[in-house]
C-alpha atoms as a PDB file:
ATOM      1  CA  MET A   1      41.844 112.743  99.893  1.00  0.00           C
ATOM      2  CA  GLU A   2      39.461 110.814  97.664  1.00  0.00           C
ATOM      3  CA  LEU A   3      38.437 112.123  94.254  1.00  0.00           C
ATOM      4  CA  GLN A   4      34.879 112.795  95.431  1.00  0.00           C
ATOM      5  CA  GLN A   5      36.146 114.932  98.315  1.00  0.00           C
ATOM      6  CA  PHE A   6      38.508 116.717  95.937  1.00  0.00           C
ATOM      7  CA  ASN A   7      35.613 117.571  93.634  1.00  0.00           C
ATOM      8  CA  ILE A   8      33.681 119.021  96.572  1.00  0.00           C
ATOM      9  CA  PHE A   9      36.762 121.105  97.377  1.00  0.00           C
ATOM     10  CA  LEU A  10      36.848 122.388  93.770  1.00  0.00           C
ATOM     11  CA  ILE A  11      33.148 123.325  93.940  1.00  0.00           C
ATOM     12  CA  ALA A  12      33.789 125.214  97.186  1.00  0.00           C
ATOM     13  CA  MET A  13      36.751 127.048  95.635  1.00  0.00           C
ATOM     14  CA  ALA A  14      34.707 127.973  92.565  1.00  0.00           C
ATOM     15  CA  SER A  15      31.876 129.261  94.761  1.00  0.00           C
ATOM     16  CA  ILE A  16      34.267 131.388  96.812  1.00  0.00           C
ATOM     17  CA  ALA A  17      35.704 132.790  93.581  1.00  0.00           C
ATOM     18  CA  VAL A  18      32.263 134.063  92.589  1.00  0.00           C
ATOM     19  CA  VAL A  19      31.858 135.754  95.983  1.00  0.00           C
ATOM     20  CA  VAL A  20      35.321 137.313  95.706  1.00  0.00           C
ATOM     21  CA  PHE A  21      34.542 138.521  92.181  1.00  0.00           C
ATOM     22  CA  VAL A  22      31.465 140.412  93.363  1.00  0.00           C
ATOM     23  CA  ALA A  23      33.135 141.747  96.536  1.00  0.00           C
ATOM     24  CA  LEU A  24      36.137 143.176  94.693  1.00  0.00           C
ATOM     25  CA  PHE A  25      33.913 145.518  92.702  1.00  0.00           C
ATOM     26  CA  PHE A  26      33.203 147.272  96.004  1.00  0.00           C
ATOM     27  CA  VAL A  27      36.652 146.983  97.618  1.00  0.00           C
ATOM     28  CA  ASP A  28      39.982 148.026  96.136  1.00  0.00           C
ATOM     29  CA  ALA A  29      42.674 145.467  96.982  1.00  0.00           C
ATOM     30  CA  GLY A  30      45.130 147.818  98.631  1.00  0.00           C
ATOM     31  CA  TYR A  31      48.317 147.310  96.660  1.00  0.00           C
ATOM     32  CA  GLY A  32      49.958 148.879  93.621  1.00  0.00           C
ATOM     33  CA  LYS A  33      47.938 151.800  92.214  1.00  0.00           C
ATOM     34  CA  PHE A  34      45.370 151.378  94.983  1.00  0.00           C
ATOM     35  CA  TYR A  35      47.669 151.104  97.993  1.00  0.00           C
ATOM     36  CA  ASP A  36      45.849 152.141 101.163  1.00  0.00           C
ATOM     37  CA  ARG A  37      47.251 152.259 104.682  1.00  0.00           C
ATOM     38  CA  LYS A  38      43.970 150.941 106.059  1.00  0.00           C
ATOM     39  CA  TRP A  39      45.142 147.481 104.982  1.00  0.00           C
ATOM     40  CA  GLY A  40      47.675 147.565 107.819  1.00  0.00           C
ATOM     41  CA  PRO A  41      51.469 147.288 108.112  1.00  0.00           C
ATOM     42  CA  ALA A  42      53.355 146.959 104.857  1.00  0.00           C
ATOM     43  CA  VAL A  43      56.619 145.603 103.501  1.00  0.00           C
ATOM     44  CA  ASN A  44      58.730 146.567 100.524  1.00  0.00           C
ATOM     45  CA  ASN A  45      56.859 145.765  97.322  1.00  0.00           C
ATOM     46  CA  LYS A  46      59.633 143.569  95.907  1.00  0.00           C
ATOM     47  CA  LEU A  47      59.822 141.534  99.103  1.00  0.00           C
ATOM     48  CA  GLY A  48      56.037 141.328  99.231  1.00  0.00           C
ATOM     49  CA  TRP A  49      55.833 139.837  95.732  1.00  0.00           C
ATOM     50  CA  VAL A  50      58.523 137.253  96.505  1.00  0.00           C
ATOM     51  CA  LEU A  51      56.870 136.255  99.787  1.00  0.00           C
ATOM     52  CA  MET A  52      53.447 136.068  98.160  1.00  0.00           C
ATOM     53  CA  GLU A  53      54.288 134.168  94.973  1.00  0.00           C
ATOM     54  CA  SER A  54      57.219 131.898  95.834  1.00  0.00           C
ATOM     55  CA  PRO A  55      55.375 129.505  98.220  1.00  0.00           C
ATOM     56  CA  VAL A  56      53.335 128.037  95.353  1.00  0.00           C
ATOM     57  CA  PHE A  57      56.544 127.452  93.387  1.00  0.00           C
ATOM     58  CA  PHE A  58      58.049 125.381  96.194  1.00  0.00           C
ATOM     59  CA  ALA A  59      54.753 123.704  97.120  1.00  0.00           C
ATOM     60  CA  MET A  60      54.321 122.372  93.572  1.00  0.00           C
ATOM     61  CA  LEU A  61      57.861 121.023  93.654  1.00  0.00           C
ATOM     62  CA  LEU A  62      57.030 119.157  96.859  1.00  0.00           C
ATOM     63  CA  PHE A  63      53.828 117.720  95.373  1.00  0.00           C
ATOM     64  CA  TRP A  64      55.910 116.492  92.430  1.00  0.00           C
ATOM     65  CA  PHE A  65      58.849 115.195  94.486  1.00  0.00           C
ATOM     66  CA  PHE A  66      56.755 113.037  96.827  1.00  0.00           C
ATOM     67  CA  SER A  67      54.578 111.643  94.057  1.00  0.00           C
ATOM     68  CA  ASP A  68      54.946 108.172  92.574  1.00  0.00           C
ATOM     69  CA  ARG A  69      54.407 109.889  89.216  1.00  0.00           C
ATOM     70  CA  ARG A  70      57.390 112.215  89.359  1.00  0.00           C
ATOM     71  CA  ASP A  71      58.990 110.470  86.354  1.00  0.00           C
ATOM     72  CA  ASP A  72      55.862 110.811  84.222  1.00  0.00           C
ATOM     73  CA  LEU A  73      56.828 112.869  81.162  1.00  0.00           C
ATOM     74  CA  VAL A  74      53.430 114.485  80.580  1.00  0.00           C
ATOM     75  CA  ARG A  75      52.960 115.495  84.195  1.00  0.00           C
ATOM     76  CA  MET A  76      56.491 116.871  84.250  1.00  0.00           C
ATOM     77  CA  ALA A  77      55.560 119.006  81.232  1.00  0.00           C
ATOM     78  CA  PHE A  78      52.614 120.418  83.214  1.00  0.00           C
ATOM     79  CA  LEU A  79      54.936 121.108  86.138  1.00  0.00           C
ATOM     80  CA  PHE A  80      57.476 122.841  83.902  1.00  0.00           C
ATOM     81  CA  LEU A  81      54.900 125.257  82.479  1.00  0.00           C
ATOM     82  CA  PHE A  82      53.388 125.981  85.887  1.00  0.00           C
ATOM     83  CA  GLU A  83      56.795 126.622  87.432  1.00  0.00           C
ATOM     84  CA  LEU A  84      57.924 128.679  84.441  1.00  0.00           C
ATOM     85  CA  HIS A  85      55.221 131.206  85.249  1.00  0.00           C
ATOM     86  CA  TYR A  86      56.110 131.318  88.924  1.00  0.00           C
ATOM     87  CA  ILE A  87      59.845 131.624  88.327  1.00  0.00           C
ATOM     88  CA  GLN A  88      59.052 134.750  86.359  1.00  0.00           C
ATOM     89  CA  ARG A  89      56.448 136.015  88.824  1.00  0.00           C
ATOM     90  CA  SER A  90      58.410 135.211  92.012  1.00  0.00           C
ATOM     91  CA  PHE A  91      62.061 135.742  91.129  1.00  0.00           C
ATOM     92  CA  VAL A  92      62.208 137.905  87.992  1.00  0.00           C
ATOM     93  CA  PHE A  93      59.245 140.299  87.950  1.00  0.00           C
ATOM     94  CA  PRO A  94      59.748 141.711  91.502  1.00  0.00           C
ATOM     95  CA  PHE A  95      63.384 142.619  90.907  1.00  0.00           C
ATOM     96  CA  ARG A  96      62.595 144.451  87.695  1.00  0.00           C
ATOM     97  CA  MET A  97      60.103 146.708  89.453  1.00  0.00           C
ATOM     98  CA  ARG A  98      60.981 150.357  89.818  1.00  0.00           C
ATOM     99  CA  GLY A  99      60.329 152.651  92.728  1.00  0.00           C
ATOM    100  CA  TYR A 100      60.006 152.054  96.433  1.00  0.00           C
ATOM    101  CA  SER A 101      56.333 151.269  96.881  1.00  0.00           C
ATOM    102  CA  VAL A 102      55.060 148.934  99.577  1.00  0.00           C
ATOM    103  CA  MET A 103      52.557 146.099  99.889  1.00  0.00           C
ATOM    104  CA  PRO A 104      50.355 145.454 102.939  1.00  0.00           C
ATOM    105  CA  ILE A 105      51.270 142.310 104.852  1.00  0.00           C
ATOM    106  CA  SER A 106      47.583 141.401 104.885  1.00  0.00           C
ATOM    107  CA  ILE A 107      47.602 141.238 101.081  1.00  0.00           C
ATOM    108  CA  VAL A 108      50.725 139.061 101.192  1.00  0.00           C
ATOM    109  CA  VAL A 109      49.069 136.667 103.657  1.00  0.00           C
ATOM    110  CA  MET A 110      45.907 136.392 101.545  1.00  0.00           C
ATOM    111  CA  GLY A 111      48.019 135.802  98.450  1.00  0.00           C
ATOM    112  CA  VAL A 112      50.046 133.074 100.140  1.00  0.00           C
ATOM    113  CA  THR A 113      46.864 131.386 101.388  1.00  0.00           C
ATOM    114  CA  PHE A 114      45.305 131.254  97.946  1.00  0.00           C
ATOM    115  CA  ASN A 115      48.552 130.185  96.269  1.00  0.00           C
ATOM    116  CA  LEU A 116      48.953 127.245  98.629  1.00  0.00           C
ATOM    117  CA  LEU A 117      45.343 126.199  98.058  1.00  0.00           C
ATOM    118  CA  ASN A 118      45.978 126.454  94.330  1.00  0.00           C
ATOM    119  CA  ALA A 119      49.105 124.311  94.627  1.00  0.00           C
ATOM    120  CA  PHE A 120      46.879 121.730  96.304  1.00  0.00           C
ATOM    121  CA  MET A 121      44.350 122.001  93.465  1.00  0.00           C
ATOM    122  CA  GLN A 122      46.862 121.665  90.637  1.00  0.00           C
ATOM    123  CA  GLY A 123      49.428 119.426  92.304  1.00  0.00           C
ATOM    124  CA  GLY A 124      46.782 117.246  93.913  1.00  0.00           C
ATOM    125  CA  TRP A 125      45.052 116.613  90.596  1.00  0.00           C
ATOM    126  CA  ILE A 126      48.127 116.246  88.399  1.00  0.00           C
ATOM    127  CA  PHE A 127      50.291 114.092  90.661  1.00  0.00           C
ATOM    128  CA  TYR A 128      47.846 112.194  92.863  1.00  0.00           C
ATOM    129  CA  LEU A 129      44.178 112.133  91.875  1.00  0.00           C
ATOM    130  CA  SER A 130      44.081 112.081  88.080  1.00  0.00           C
ATOM    131  CA  PRO A 131      43.583 108.512  86.787  1.00  0.00           C
ATOM    132  CA  ASP A 132      46.821 106.729  85.921  1.00  0.00           C
ATOM    133  CA  ASP A 133      45.920 106.503  82.245  1.00  0.00           C
ATOM    134  CA  TYR A 134      44.364 109.964  81.956  1.00  0.00           C
ATOM    135  CA  TYR A 135      47.561 111.490  80.578  1.00  0.00           C
ATOM    136  CA  GLY A 136      49.144 108.926  78.290  1.00  0.00           C
ATOM    137  CA  ARG A 137      52.346 109.731  76.425  1.00  0.00           C
ATOM    138  CA  ASP A 138      50.307 110.643  73.376  1.00  0.00           C
ATOM    139  CA  TRP A 139      48.827 113.518  75.381  1.00  0.00           C
ATOM    140  CA  LEU A 140      51.726 115.730  74.268  1.00  0.00           C
ATOM    141  CA  THR A 141      50.439 115.470  70.692  1.00  0.00           C
ATOM    142  CA  ASP A 142      46.779 115.748  71.649  1.00  0.00           C
ATOM    143  CA  PRO A 143      45.041 118.831  70.157  1.00  0.00           C
ATOM    144  CA  ARG A 144      44.016 119.908  73.671  1.00  0.00           C
ATOM    145  CA  PHE A 145      47.614 119.985  74.862  1.00  0.00           C
ATOM    146  CA  ILE A 146      48.871 121.733  71.728  1.00  0.00           C
ATOM    147  CA  ALA A 147      46.098 124.356  71.774  1.00  0.00           C
ATOM    148  CA  GLY A 148      46.456 124.953  75.508  1.00  0.00           C
ATOM    149  CA  PHE A 149      50.227 125.191  75.233  1.00  0.00           C
ATOM    150  CA  LEU A 150      49.967 127.845  72.506  1.00  0.00           C
ATOM    151  CA  VAL A 151      47.415 129.845  74.514  1.00  0.00           C
ATOM    152  CA  PHE A 152      49.629 129.600  77.611  1.00  0.00           C
ATOM    153  CA  ILE A 153      52.758 130.791  75.788  1.00  0.00           C
ATOM    154  CA  ILE A 154      50.916 133.634  74.051  1.00  0.00           C
ATOM    155  CA  GLY A 155      49.472 134.680  77.404  1.00  0.00           C
ATOM    156  CA  MET A 156      52.881 134.651  79.052  1.00  0.00           C
ATOM    157  CA  PHE A 157      54.324 136.750  76.229  1.00  0.00           C
ATOM    158  CA  ILE A 158      51.502 139.306  76.536  1.00  0.00           C
ATOM    159  CA  ASN A 159      51.882 139.393  80.320  1.00  0.00           C
ATOM    160  CA  ILE A 160      55.630 140.016  80.252  1.00  0.00           C
ATOM    161  CA  GLN A 161      55.446 142.488  77.352  1.00  0.00           C
ATOM    162  CA  SER A 162      52.700 144.436  79.118  1.00  0.00           C
ATOM    163  CA  ASP A 163      54.654 144.529  82.385  1.00  0.00           C
ATOM    164  CA  ASP A 164      57.614 145.926  80.428  1.00  0.00           C
ATOM    165  CA  ILE A 165      55.437 148.646  78.886  1.00  0.00           C
ATOM    166  CA  ILE A 166      54.102 149.648  82.304  1.00  0.00           C
ATOM    167  CA  ARG A 167      57.578 149.593  83.827  1.00  0.00           C
ATOM    168  CA  ASP A 168      58.957 151.915  81.157  1.00  0.00           C
ATOM    169  CA  LEU A 169      56.227 154.522  81.660  1.00  0.00           C
ATOM    170  CA  ARG A 170      58.107 156.094  84.564  1.00  0.00           C
ATOM    171  CA  LYS A 171      61.653 157.154  85.233  1.00  0.00           C
ATOM    172  CA  ASP A 172      63.162 156.534  88.652  1.00  0.00           C
ATOM    173  CA  GLY A 173      61.595 158.791  91.258  1.00  0.00           C
ATOM    174  CA  ASP A 174      58.530 159.575  89.151  1.00  0.00           C
ATOM    175  CA  THR A 175      55.236 158.775  90.886  1.00  0.00           C
ATOM    176  CA  ARG A 176      52.770 160.114  88.310  1.00  0.00           C
ATOM    177  CA  HIS A 177      50.295 157.918  86.446  1.00  0.00           C
ATOM    178  CA  TYR A 178      50.538 157.434  82.695  1.00  0.00           C
ATOM    179  CA  LEU A 179      48.261 155.778  80.176  1.00  0.00           C
ATOM    180  CA  PRO A 180      50.061 152.680  78.832  1.00  0.00           C
ATOM    181  CA  LYS A 181      50.115 152.290  75.062  1.00  0.00           C
ATOM    182  CA  GLY A 182      51.313 149.693  72.592  1.00  0.00           C
ATOM    183  CA  GLY A 183      51.022 145.926  72.600  1.00  0.00           C
ATOM    184  CA  MET A 184      47.644 144.699  73.820  1.00  0.00           C
ATOM    185  CA  PHE A 185      47.095 148.053  75.512  1.00  0.00           C
ATOM    186  CA  ARG A 186      45.663 149.045  72.145  1.00  0.00           C
ATOM    187  CA  TYR A 187      42.642 146.952  73.094  1.00  0.00           C
ATOM    188  CA  VAL A 188      42.502 146.821  76.903  1.00  0.00           C
ATOM    189  CA  THR A 189      43.698 148.979  79.766  1.00  0.00           C
ATOM    190  CA  SER A 190      44.900 145.958  81.769  1.00  0.00           C
ATOM    191  CA  ALA A 191      46.806 144.003  79.132  1.00  0.00           C
ATOM    192  CA  ASN A 192      49.052 142.443  81.774  1.00  0.00           C
ATOM    193  CA  TYR A 193      45.988 140.953  83.443  1.00  0.00           C
ATOM    194  CA  PHE A 194      44.673 139.710  80.120  1.00  0.00           C
ATOM    195  CA  GLY A 195      47.977 137.929  79.518  1.00  0.00           C
ATOM    196  CA  GLU A 196      47.912 136.250  82.918  1.00  0.00           C
ATOM    197  CA  PHE A 197      44.296 135.180  82.493  1.00  0.00           C
ATOM    198  CA  LEU A 198      45.140 133.763  79.066  1.00  0.00           C
ATOM    199  CA  GLU A 199      47.989 131.742  80.583  1.00  0.00           C
ATOM    200  CA  TRP A 200      45.712 129.954  83.001  1.00  0.00           C
ATOM    201  CA  VAL A 201      42.976 129.415  80.442  1.00  0.00           C
ATOM    202  CA  GLY A 202      45.682 127.728  78.382  1.00  0.00           C
ATOM    203  CA  PHE A 203      46.772 125.670  81.390  1.00  0.00           C
ATOM    204  CA  ALA A 204      43.185 124.540  81.980  1.00  0.00           C
ATOM    205  CA  ILE A 205      42.940 123.451  78.338  1.00  0.00           C
ATOM    206  CA  LEU A 206      46.277 121.651  78.201  1.00  0.00           C
ATOM    207  CA  THR A 207      45.575 119.748  81.427  1.00  0.00           C
ATOM    208  CA  TRP A 208      41.890 119.375  80.496  1.00  0.00           C
ATOM    209  CA  SER A 209      40.993 119.473  84.174  1.00  0.00           C
ATOM    210  CA  TRP A 210      38.441 121.039  86.479  1.00  0.00           C
ATOM    211  CA  ALA A 211      41.313 122.054  88.755  1.00  0.00           C
ATOM    212  CA  GLY A 212      42.811 124.119  85.937  1.00  0.00           C
ATOM    213  CA  ALA A 213      39.405 125.588  85.096  1.00  0.00           C
ATOM    214  CA  VAL A 214      38.829 126.679  88.706  1.00  0.00           C
ATOM    215  CA  PHE A 215      42.229 128.388  88.714  1.00  0.00           C
ATOM    216  CA  ALA A 216      41.341 130.254  85.514  1.00  0.00           C
ATOM    217  CA  LEU A 217      38.051 131.270  87.161  1.00  0.00           C
ATOM    218  CA  TRP A 218      39.905 132.536  90.222  1.00  0.00           C
ATOM    219  CA  THR A 219      42.310 134.495  88.033  1.00  0.00           C
ATOM    220  CA  PHE A 220      39.420 136.337  86.419  1.00  0.00           C
ATOM    221  CA  ALA A 221      37.598 136.750  89.745  1.00  0.00           C
ATOM    222  CA  ASN A 222      40.672 138.425  91.205  1.00  0.00           C
ATOM    223  CA  LEU A 223      41.812 140.492  88.218  1.00  0.00           C
ATOM    224  CA  GLY A 224      38.521 141.331  86.488  1.00  0.00           C
ATOM    225  CA  PRO A 225      37.226 143.754  89.151  1.00  0.00           C
ATOM    226  CA  ARG A 226      40.675 145.306  89.539  1.00  0.00           C
ATOM    227  CA  ALA A 227      40.805 145.846  85.785  1.00  0.00           C
ATOM    228  CA  ASP A 228      37.463 147.665  86.114  1.00  0.00           C
ATOM    229  CA  HIS A 229      38.884 149.960  88.816  1.00  0.00           C
ATOM    230  CA  ILE A 230      41.925 150.703  86.661  1.00  0.00           C
ATOM    231  CA  TYR A 231      39.714 151.421  83.648  1.00  0.00           C
ATOM    232  CA  LYS A 232      37.644 153.920  85.618  1.00  0.00           C
ATOM    233  CA  MET A 233      40.783 155.546  87.022  1.00  0.00           C
ATOM    234  CA  TYR A 234      42.157 155.981  83.494  1.00  0.00           C
ATOM    235  CA  GLN A 235      38.796 157.348  82.349  1.00  0.00           C
ATOM    236  CA  SER A 236      39.001 159.949  85.088  1.00  0.00           C
ATOM    237  CA  GLU A 237      42.634 160.870  84.478  1.00  0.00           C
ATOM    238  CA  PHE A 238      42.950 160.418  80.704  1.00  0.00           C
ATOM    239  CA  GLY A 239      39.415 160.756  79.397  1.00  0.00           C
ATOM    240  CA  ASP A 240      40.548 162.674  76.327  1.00  0.00           C
ATOM    241  CA  GLN A 241      43.151 160.024  75.451  1.00  0.00           C
ATOM    242  CA  LEU A 242      41.198 156.838  76.181  1.00  0.00           C
ATOM    243  CA  ASN A 243      39.112 155.565  73.275  1.00  0.00           C
ATOM    244  CA  THR A 244      36.401 153.844  75.291  1.00  0.00           C
ATOM    245  CA  LYS A 245      34.679 152.532  72.146  1.00  0.00           C
ATOM    246  CA  ARG A 246      37.746 150.492  71.221  1.00  0.00           C
ATOM    247  CA  VAL A 247      39.624 149.905  74.470  1.00  0.00           C
ATOM    248  CA  LYS A 248      38.036 147.494  76.956  1.00  0.00           C
ATOM    249  CA  ARG A 249      39.049 146.636  80.501  1.00  0.00           C
ATOM    250  CA  MET A 250      40.721 143.240  80.331  1.00  0.00           C
ATOM    251  CA  ILE A 251      39.446 141.027  77.500  1.00  0.00           C
ATOM    252  CA  PRO A 252      39.647 142.560  74.008  1.00  0.00           C
ATOM    253  CA  PHE A 253      36.269 143.388  72.414  1.00  0.00           C
ATOM    254  CA  ILE A 254      34.384 141.757  75.304  1.00  0.00           C
ATOM    255  CA  TYR A 255      35.155 143.195  78.760  1.00  0.00           C
END
């Protein structure tokens, strides 16, 4: 694929993200708190997460392995950070989940589809289409890389910490809902989503690429509406406990 065609692909992906963002305010993605049988047959939640998230981990490795740039130090740093997230999301997070909930196969298939397209966006740009001299060795000391790296790491910390807080709300066998507190939950009701969004904003900055920016856009398009649904659910269930003047949905002080 030529760079011009790749840019058209990025524009198409960004446009679809906007459509998805609007649509998800009217449709609850039927997994987790909003599981709905109308989404069709389901599999164990742990298996669903592994099946949904692991393809992008392996796809990025293949993009790297077959690239003439696989020995490039800067691009390997990008790969390491990308894969670090997906090791946690594919092979750590699912097996720390409690309970025996399920995930619709349709959600898994949609997740796999997007993840493979995203691997093409990130891997295609980093290992094949970015100009040879775009990421010189001095990129690792460039303010954009340093700032993006810090944002990425902070986002990952918030994401994992928030998942831990949610996980510890229930004991085994308990299916009730609880209002998460502590960490970034002091400021938003979906702190785990905020952390993940922050990761990919950081990745977009440290790669300084439109591909990274489109991924960050997609992350918000997917998680922003869901964070709104969760916020309204908490308002309904914990209205007397939720300080709506202080606590936002996903981005502290903003949304």
